[in-house]
Amino acid sequence: MRPGDVLLVVALLEEVQDVFATSGARVVRCGVGKLNAGYATLKALTTQRPRLVLNVGTAGSPTFPTHALIECTRFVQRDIDASPLGFPRGTTPFDETPHVLEVPRRFLDLPEGICGTGDNFETTLLPHSEPAGHPVHLPRPTVIDMEAFAIAKVCALEGVPFCSLKYVTDGSDSNASSDWAANLPRAAARFREAFDRLAR
C-alpha cells in the first residue's frame, strides 16, 4: 500500500508531533470526542476515498503497561446509557450497527486490544476495574480513548477498511493528565514506525 492510500486520522496533532511531515500520508486532525471524530472522518472520506483509514492516538489502559503500542480490533462505547428506556448499557437505541465493532488485525506482532470509547478523559480506573456504567454483556475495554469507536463506525458504514493503533500514555488513573503530556514524543515516534511498515 502506498503512503497516499492511507488516511491518517488523529484527534490532536500533538499526538503525532511533526513525524509525518515527510511520510506522504494524508493526515486529518479530527478533534477530541466522538462527535468531532465521526464528522471529520466522514467529511474526509467523501472527498478523499482512501484505501485504508488508520487511526493513531494516545490512550489510557488499566491492562497494558505505559509505552505499549496496541492494535485495537474491537470497539465499544463505554459511556452510552439508555437503560431507563430498556436498552442495555453500551448500545445505541434503534441502531442496526453492531454495538461491538470488529476489524481484522494488520500488525500481528503487536498486542491486541479492545477499545472503549467515551466522551470523557478517564482518570478513575484501577487495574481490573470496570468503567462507570460498563455493562457486563460487552467485552471489557483494555484501552480507553475518546474517538476510535466513532471513526470505526463511520468506516464500517462507508465500507472503508479501518485500523487503529493506540499508544498507552497512562493508566487512566489520577496521574493520567501529566503522564499523557510527557509521553507524547515517544508515542509519535512509534506511530511513524508502524506507518512505515504498513505503507511503503
C-alpha atoms as a PDB file:
ATOM      1  CA  MET A   1       0.000   0.000   0.000  1.00  0.00           C
ATOM      2  CA  ARG A   2       1.324   3.440  -0.909  1.00  0.00           C
ATOM      3  CA  PRO A   3       1.516   6.170   1.745  1.00  0.00           C
ATOM      4  CA  GLY A   4      -1.004   8.263  -0.154  1.00  0.00           C
ATOM      5  CA  ASP A   5      -3.549   5.452   0.020  1.00  0.00           C
ATOM      6  CA  VAL A   6      -3.748   5.820   3.796  1.00  0.00           C
ATOM      7  CA  LEU A   7      -5.842   8.436   5.561  1.00  0.00           C
ATOM      8  CA  LEU A   8      -4.297   9.039   8.968  1.00  0.00           C
ATOM      9  CA  VAL A   9      -6.893  10.247  11.481  1.00  0.00           C
ATOM     10  CA  VAL A  10      -5.657  11.674  14.775  1.00  0.00           C
ATOM     11  CA  ALA A  11      -7.516  13.645  17.416  1.00  0.00           C
ATOM     12  CA  LEU A  12      -4.722  16.151  18.073  1.00  0.00           C
ATOM     13  CA  LEU A  13      -1.634  16.952  16.046  1.00  0.00           C
ATOM     14  CA  GLU A  14       0.328  16.943  19.307  1.00  0.00           C
ATOM     15  CA  GLU A  15      -0.105  13.172  19.311  1.00  0.00           C
ATOM     16  CA  VAL A  16       1.928  12.806  16.112  1.00  0.00           C
ATOM     17  CA  GLN A  17       4.196  15.855  16.584  1.00  0.00           C
ATOM     18  CA  ASP A  18       5.797  16.513  13.171  1.00  0.00           C
ATOM     19  CA  VAL A  19       6.859  12.942  12.392  1.00  0.00           C
ATOM     20  CA  PHE A  20       4.503  12.543   9.413  1.00  0.00           C
ATOM     21  CA  ALA A  21       5.654  15.662   7.572  1.00  0.00           C
ATOM     22  CA  THR A  22       7.700  13.591   5.113  1.00  0.00           C
ATOM     23  CA  SER A  23       5.612  10.412   5.155  1.00  0.00           C
ATOM     24  CA  GLY A  24       3.311  11.075   2.211  1.00  0.00           C
ATOM     25  CA  ALA A  25       0.319  10.254   4.398  1.00  0.00           C
ATOM     26  CA  ARG A  26      -2.825  12.341   4.331  1.00  0.00           C
ATOM     27  CA  VAL A  27      -3.257  13.488   7.920  1.00  0.00           C
ATOM     28  CA  VAL A  28      -6.651  14.573   9.268  1.00  0.00           C
ATOM     29  CA  ARG A  29      -6.976  16.186  12.683  1.00  0.00           C
ATOM     30  CA  CYS A  30     -10.439  15.170  13.799  1.00  0.00           C
ATOM     31  CA  GLY A  31     -10.584  16.839  17.197  1.00  0.00           C
ATOM     32  CA  VAL A  32     -11.449  15.352  20.567  1.00  0.00           C
ATOM     33  CA  GLY A  33     -14.574  13.296  21.221  1.00  0.00           C
ATOM     34  CA  LYS A  34     -16.931  11.044  19.286  1.00  0.00           C
ATOM     35  CA  LEU A  35     -18.930  13.738  17.510  1.00  0.00           C
ATOM     36  CA  ASN A  36     -15.863  15.572  16.200  1.00  0.00           C
ATOM     37  CA  ALA A  37     -14.199  12.306  15.199  1.00  0.00           C
ATOM     38  CA  GLY A  38     -17.208  10.992  13.310  1.00  0.00           C
ATOM     39  CA  TYR A  39     -17.851  14.237  11.465  1.00  0.00           C
ATOM     40  CA  ALA A  40     -14.241  14.801  10.421  1.00  0.00           C
ATOM     41  CA  THR A  41     -13.833  11.215   9.269  1.00  0.00           C
ATOM     42  CA  LEU A  42     -16.992  11.239   7.173  1.00  0.00           C
ATOM     43  CA  LYS A  43     -16.066  14.565   5.599  1.00  0.00           C
ATOM     44  CA  ALA A  44     -12.597  13.268   4.712  1.00  0.00           C
ATOM     45  CA  LEU A  45     -13.939  10.012   3.278  1.00  0.00           C
ATOM     46  CA  THR A  46     -16.342  11.784   0.949  1.00  0.00           C
ATOM     47  CA  THR A  47     -13.555  13.850  -0.597  1.00  0.00           C
ATOM     48  CA  GLN A  48     -10.517  11.553  -0.441  1.00  0.00           C
ATOM     49  CA  ARG A  49     -11.746   7.917  -0.624  1.00  0.00           C
ATOM     50  CA  PRO A  50      -8.624   6.280   0.847  1.00  0.00           C
ATOM     51  CA  ARG A  51      -7.912   2.562   0.689  1.00  0.00           C
ATOM     52  CA  LEU A  52      -7.423   2.474   4.457  1.00  0.00           C
ATOM     53  CA  VAL A  53      -8.185   4.711   7.426  1.00  0.00           C
ATOM     54  CA  LEU A  54      -5.505   4.468  10.105  1.00  0.00           C
ATOM     55  CA  ASN A  55      -6.441   5.967  13.437  1.00  0.00           C
ATOM     56  CA  VAL A  56      -3.490   6.591  15.724  1.00  0.00           C
ATOM     57  CA  GLY A  57      -3.718   8.131  19.132  1.00  0.00           C
ATOM     58  CA  THR A  58      -2.768   8.074  22.751  1.00  0.00           C
ATOM     59  CA  ALA A  59      -4.859   6.191  25.256  1.00  0.00           C
ATOM     60  CA  GLY A  60      -5.111   5.059  28.823  1.00  0.00           C
ATOM     61  CA  SER A  61      -5.186   1.444  29.864  1.00  0.00           C
ATOM     62  CA  PRO A  62      -5.954  -0.403  33.087  1.00  0.00           C
ATOM     63  CA  THR A  63      -4.447  -3.517  31.481  1.00  0.00           C
ATOM     64  CA  PHE A  64      -1.430  -2.738  29.298  1.00  0.00           C
ATOM     65  CA  PRO A  65       1.736  -1.046  30.585  1.00  0.00           C
ATOM     66  CA  THR A  66       2.652   2.537  29.771  1.00  0.00           C
ATOM     67  CA  HIS A  67       4.569   2.829  26.465  1.00  0.00           C
ATOM     68  CA  ALA A  68       2.877  -0.227  24.949  1.00  0.00           C
ATOM     69  CA  LEU A  69       1.672   0.127  21.347  1.00  0.00           C
ATOM     70  CA  ILE A  70      -1.643  -1.697  20.958  1.00  0.00           C
ATOM     71  CA  GLU A  71      -3.590  -2.662  17.860  1.00  0.00           C
ATOM     72  CA  CYS A  72      -7.266  -2.333  18.687  1.00  0.00           C
ATOM     73  CA  THR A  73      -9.510  -4.758  16.813  1.00  0.00           C
ATOM     74  CA  ARG A  74     -12.766  -4.403  18.763  1.00  0.00           C
ATOM     75  CA  PHE A  75     -14.509  -1.168  19.680  1.00  0.00           C
ATOM     76  CA  VAL A  76     -17.310  -0.383  22.138  1.00  0.00           C
ATOM     77  CA  GLN A  77     -18.948   2.726  23.556  1.00  0.00           C
ATOM     78  CA  ARG A  78     -18.230   2.908  27.263  1.00  0.00           C
ATOM     79  CA  ASP A  79     -20.446   5.892  28.051  1.00  0.00           C
ATOM     80  CA  ILE A  80     -23.782   5.480  26.294  1.00  0.00           C
ATOM     81  CA  ASP A  81     -26.627   4.544  28.626  1.00  0.00           C
ATOM     82  CA  ALA A  82     -30.251   4.293  27.535  1.00  0.00           C
ATOM     83  CA  SER A  83     -31.103   1.729  30.202  1.00  0.00           C
ATOM     84  CA  PRO A  84     -34.099   3.763  31.514  1.00  0.00           C
ATOM     85  CA  LEU A  85     -35.696   3.016  28.124  1.00  0.00           C
ATOM     86  CA  GLY A  86     -34.971  -0.689  28.483  1.00  0.00           C
ATOM     87  CA  PHE A  87     -31.839  -0.861  26.344  1.00  0.00           C
ATOM     88  CA  PRO A  88     -28.633  -2.456  27.654  1.00  0.00           C
ATOM     89  CA  ARG A  89     -25.888  -0.010  28.540  1.00  0.00           C
ATOM     90  CA  GLY A  90     -23.373   0.378  25.734  1.00  0.00           C
ATOM     91  CA  THR A  91     -25.929   0.061  22.934  1.00  0.00           C
ATOM     92  CA  THR A  92     -27.444   2.785  20.783  1.00  0.00           C
ATOM     93  CA  PRO A  93     -31.249   2.521  20.708  1.00  0.00           C
ATOM     94  CA  PHE A  94     -32.834   1.609  17.363  1.00  0.00           C
ATOM     95  CA  ASP A  95     -29.427   1.393  15.651  1.00  0.00           C
ATOM     96  CA  GLU A  96     -28.702  -1.575  13.379  1.00  0.00           C
ATOM     97  CA  THR A  97     -24.934  -1.114  13.636  1.00  0.00           C
ATOM     98  CA  PRO A  98     -23.405  -3.750  15.959  1.00  0.00           C
ATOM     99  CA  HIS A  99     -22.634  -2.426  19.431  1.00  0.00           C
ATOM    100  CA  VAL A 100     -19.255  -4.184  19.188  1.00  0.00           C
ATOM    101  CA  LEU A 101     -17.385  -3.230  16.026  1.00  0.00           C
ATOM    102  CA  GLU A 102     -14.633  -5.591  14.864  1.00  0.00           C
ATOM    103  CA  VAL A 103     -11.828  -5.189  12.326  1.00  0.00           C
ATOM    104  CA  PRO A 104      -9.118  -7.624  11.158  1.00  0.00           C
ATOM    105  CA  ARG A 105      -5.584  -7.484  12.544  1.00  0.00           C
ATOM    106  CA  ARG A 106      -2.767  -5.986  10.464  1.00  0.00           C
ATOM    107  CA  PHE A 107       0.082  -5.954  12.989  1.00  0.00           C
ATOM    108  CA  LEU A 108       0.325  -9.496  14.275  1.00  0.00           C
ATOM    109  CA  ASP A 109       3.361  -8.718  16.437  1.00  0.00           C
ATOM    110  CA  LEU A 110       1.512  -6.094  18.498  1.00  0.00           C
ATOM    111  CA  PRO A 111      -0.736  -6.820  21.480  1.00  0.00           C
ATOM    112  CA  GLU A 112      -4.429  -6.864  20.595  1.00  0.00           C
ATOM    113  CA  GLY A 113      -6.776  -4.575  22.477  1.00  0.00           C
ATOM    114  CA  ILE A 114     -10.453  -3.805  22.988  1.00  0.00           C
ATOM    115  CA  CYS A 115     -11.013  -0.060  22.780  1.00  0.00           C
ATOM    116  CA  GLY A 116     -13.663   1.560  24.949  1.00  0.00           C
ATOM    117  CA  THR A 117     -14.564   4.988  23.580  1.00  0.00           C
ATOM    118  CA  GLY A 118     -16.333   7.685  25.578  1.00  0.00           C
ATOM    119  CA  ASP A 119     -16.610  11.439  25.834  1.00  0.00           C
ATOM    120  CA  ASN A 120     -14.545  11.827  28.964  1.00  0.00           C
ATOM    121  CA  PHE A 121     -10.840  11.729  29.837  1.00  0.00           C
ATOM    122  CA  GLU A 122     -10.819   8.801  32.223  1.00  0.00           C
ATOM    123  CA  THR A 123      -8.875   9.265  35.462  1.00  0.00           C
ATOM    124  CA  THR A 124     -10.627   6.937  37.891  1.00  0.00           C
ATOM    125  CA  LEU A 125      -9.894   3.432  36.626  1.00  0.00           C
ATOM    126  CA  LEU A 126      -7.884   0.966  38.639  1.00  0.00           C
ATOM    127  CA  PRO A 127      -6.390  -2.259  37.237  1.00  0.00           C
ATOM    128  CA  HIS A 128      -9.074  -4.857  36.545  1.00  0.00           C
ATOM    129  CA  SER A 129     -11.891  -2.413  37.347  1.00  0.00           C
ATOM    130  CA  GLU A 130     -14.820  -1.602  35.097  1.00  0.00           C
ATOM    131  CA  PRO A 131     -15.528   1.886  33.735  1.00  0.00           C
ATOM    132  CA  ALA A 132     -18.515   3.539  35.364  1.00  0.00           C
ATOM    133  CA  GLY A 133     -21.717   2.216  33.849  1.00  0.00           C
ATOM    134  CA  HIS A 134     -19.920  -0.501  31.883  1.00  0.00           C
ATOM    135  CA  PRO A 135     -22.305  -3.362  31.044  1.00  0.00           C
ATOM    136  CA  VAL A 136     -21.279  -6.929  31.709  1.00  0.00           C
ATOM    137  CA  HIS A 137     -22.552  -8.073  28.303  1.00  0.00           C
ATOM    138  CA  LEU A 138     -19.937  -6.015  26.434  1.00  0.00           C
ATOM    139  CA  PRO A 139     -16.295  -7.041  26.194  1.00  0.00           C
ATOM    140  CA  ARG A 140     -14.281  -5.314  28.890  1.00  0.00           C
ATOM    141  CA  PRO A 141     -12.159  -2.492  27.389  1.00  0.00           C
ATOM    142  CA  THR A 142      -8.422  -2.868  27.740  1.00  0.00           C
ATOM    143  CA  VAL A 143      -7.717   0.504  26.103  1.00  0.00           C
ATOM    144  CA  ILE A 144      -9.563   3.748  26.880  1.00  0.00           C
ATOM    145  CA  ASP A 145      -9.941   6.568  24.348  1.00  0.00           C
ATOM    146  CA  MET A 146     -12.363   9.243  23.151  1.00  0.00           C
ATOM    147  CA  GLU A 147     -12.624   8.780  19.344  1.00  0.00           C
ATOM    148  CA  ALA A 148     -11.980   5.309  17.900  1.00  0.00           C
ATOM    149  CA  PHE A 149     -15.500   3.838  18.077  1.00  0.00           C
ATOM    150  CA  ALA A 150     -16.890   6.786  16.110  1.00  0.00           C
ATOM    151  CA  ILE A 151     -14.192   6.520  13.433  1.00  0.00           C
ATOM    152  CA  ALA A 152     -14.654   2.759  13.191  1.00  0.00           C
ATOM    153  CA  LYS A 153     -18.416   3.155  12.809  1.00  0.00           C
ATOM    154  CA  VAL A 154     -18.140   5.708  10.015  1.00  0.00           C
ATOM    155  CA  CYS A 155     -15.662   3.473   8.187  1.00  0.00           C
ATOM    156  CA  ALA A 156     -17.954   0.461   8.590  1.00  0.00           C
ATOM    157  CA  LEU A 157     -20.945   2.376   7.243  1.00  0.00           C
ATOM    158  CA  GLU A 158     -18.907   3.706   4.307  1.00  0.00           C
ATOM    159  CA  GLY A 159     -17.227   0.389   3.520  1.00  0.00           C
ATOM    160  CA  VAL A 160     -13.662   1.613   4.082  1.00  0.00           C
ATOM    161  CA  PRO A 161     -11.097  -0.645   5.816  1.00  0.00           C
ATOM    162  CA  PHE A 162     -10.062   0.574   9.253  1.00  0.00           C
ATOM    163  CA  CYS A 163      -7.070   0.061  11.530  1.00  0.00           C
ATOM    164  CA  SER A 164      -6.400   1.618  14.932  1.00  0.00           C
ATOM    165  CA  LEU A 165      -3.157   1.862  16.897  1.00  0.00           C
ATOM    166  CA  LYS A 166      -3.109   3.240  20.433  1.00  0.00           C
ATOM    167  CA  TYR A 167      -0.041   4.163  22.432  1.00  0.00           C
ATOM    168  CA  VAL A 168      -0.579   3.779  26.155  1.00  0.00           C
ATOM    169  CA  THR A 169       0.482   7.003  27.855  1.00  0.00           C
ATOM    170  CA  ASP A 170      -1.211   6.485  31.187  1.00  0.00           C
ATOM    171  CA  GLY A 171      -3.139   4.108  33.397  1.00  0.00           C
ATOM    172  CA  SER A 172      -6.441   6.018  33.267  1.00  0.00           C
ATOM    173  CA  ASP A 173      -5.824   6.938  36.886  1.00  0.00           C
ATOM    174  CA  SER A 174      -5.153  10.067  38.942  1.00  0.00           C
ATOM    175  CA  ASN A 175      -1.801  10.651  37.163  1.00  0.00           C
ATOM    176  CA  ALA A 176      -3.301  10.383  33.688  1.00  0.00           C
ATOM    177  CA  SER A 177      -3.133  14.036  32.600  1.00  0.00           C
ATOM    178  CA  SER A 178       0.527  14.597  33.473  1.00  0.00           C
ATOM    179  CA  ASP A 179       1.603  11.201  32.113  1.00  0.00           C
ATOM    180  CA  TRP A 180      -0.215  11.878  28.833  1.00  0.00           C
ATOM    181  CA  ALA A 181       1.649  15.099  28.059  1.00  0.00           C
ATOM    182  CA  ALA A 182       5.063  13.710  28.992  1.00  0.00           C
ATOM    183  CA  ASN A 183       4.735  10.670  26.725  1.00  0.00           C
ATOM    184  CA  LEU A 184       3.605  12.358  23.504  1.00  0.00           C
ATOM    185  CA  PRO A 185       7.036  12.406  21.749  1.00  0.00           C
ATOM    186  CA  ARG A 186       7.548   8.693  22.291  1.00  0.00           C
ATOM    187  CA  ALA A 187       4.052   7.970  21.048  1.00  0.00           C
ATOM    188  CA  ALA A 188       4.622   9.916  17.828  1.00  0.00           C
ATOM    189  CA  ALA A 189       7.824   8.035  17.070  1.00  0.00           C
ATOM    190  CA  ARG A 190       6.100   4.666  17.492  1.00  0.00           C
ATOM    191  CA  PHE A 191       3.243   5.719  15.223  1.00  0.00           C
ATOM    192  CA  ARG A 192       5.659   6.639  12.432  1.00  0.00           C
ATOM    193  CA  GLU A 193       7.497   3.332  12.767  1.00  0.00           C
ATOM    194  CA  ALA A 194       4.217   1.430  12.418  1.00  0.00           C
ATOM    195  CA  PHE A 195       3.086   3.551   9.481  1.00  0.00           C
ATOM    196  CA  ASP A 196       6.315   2.877   7.610  1.00  0.00           C
ATOM    197  CA  ARG A 197       5.677  -0.864   7.953  1.00  0.00           C
ATOM    198  CA  LEU A 198       2.147  -0.507   6.643  1.00  0.00           C
ATOM    199  CA  ALA A 199       2.723   1.870   3.736  1.00  0.00           C
ATOM    200  CA  ARG A 200       5.832   1.549   1.585  1.00  0.00           C
END
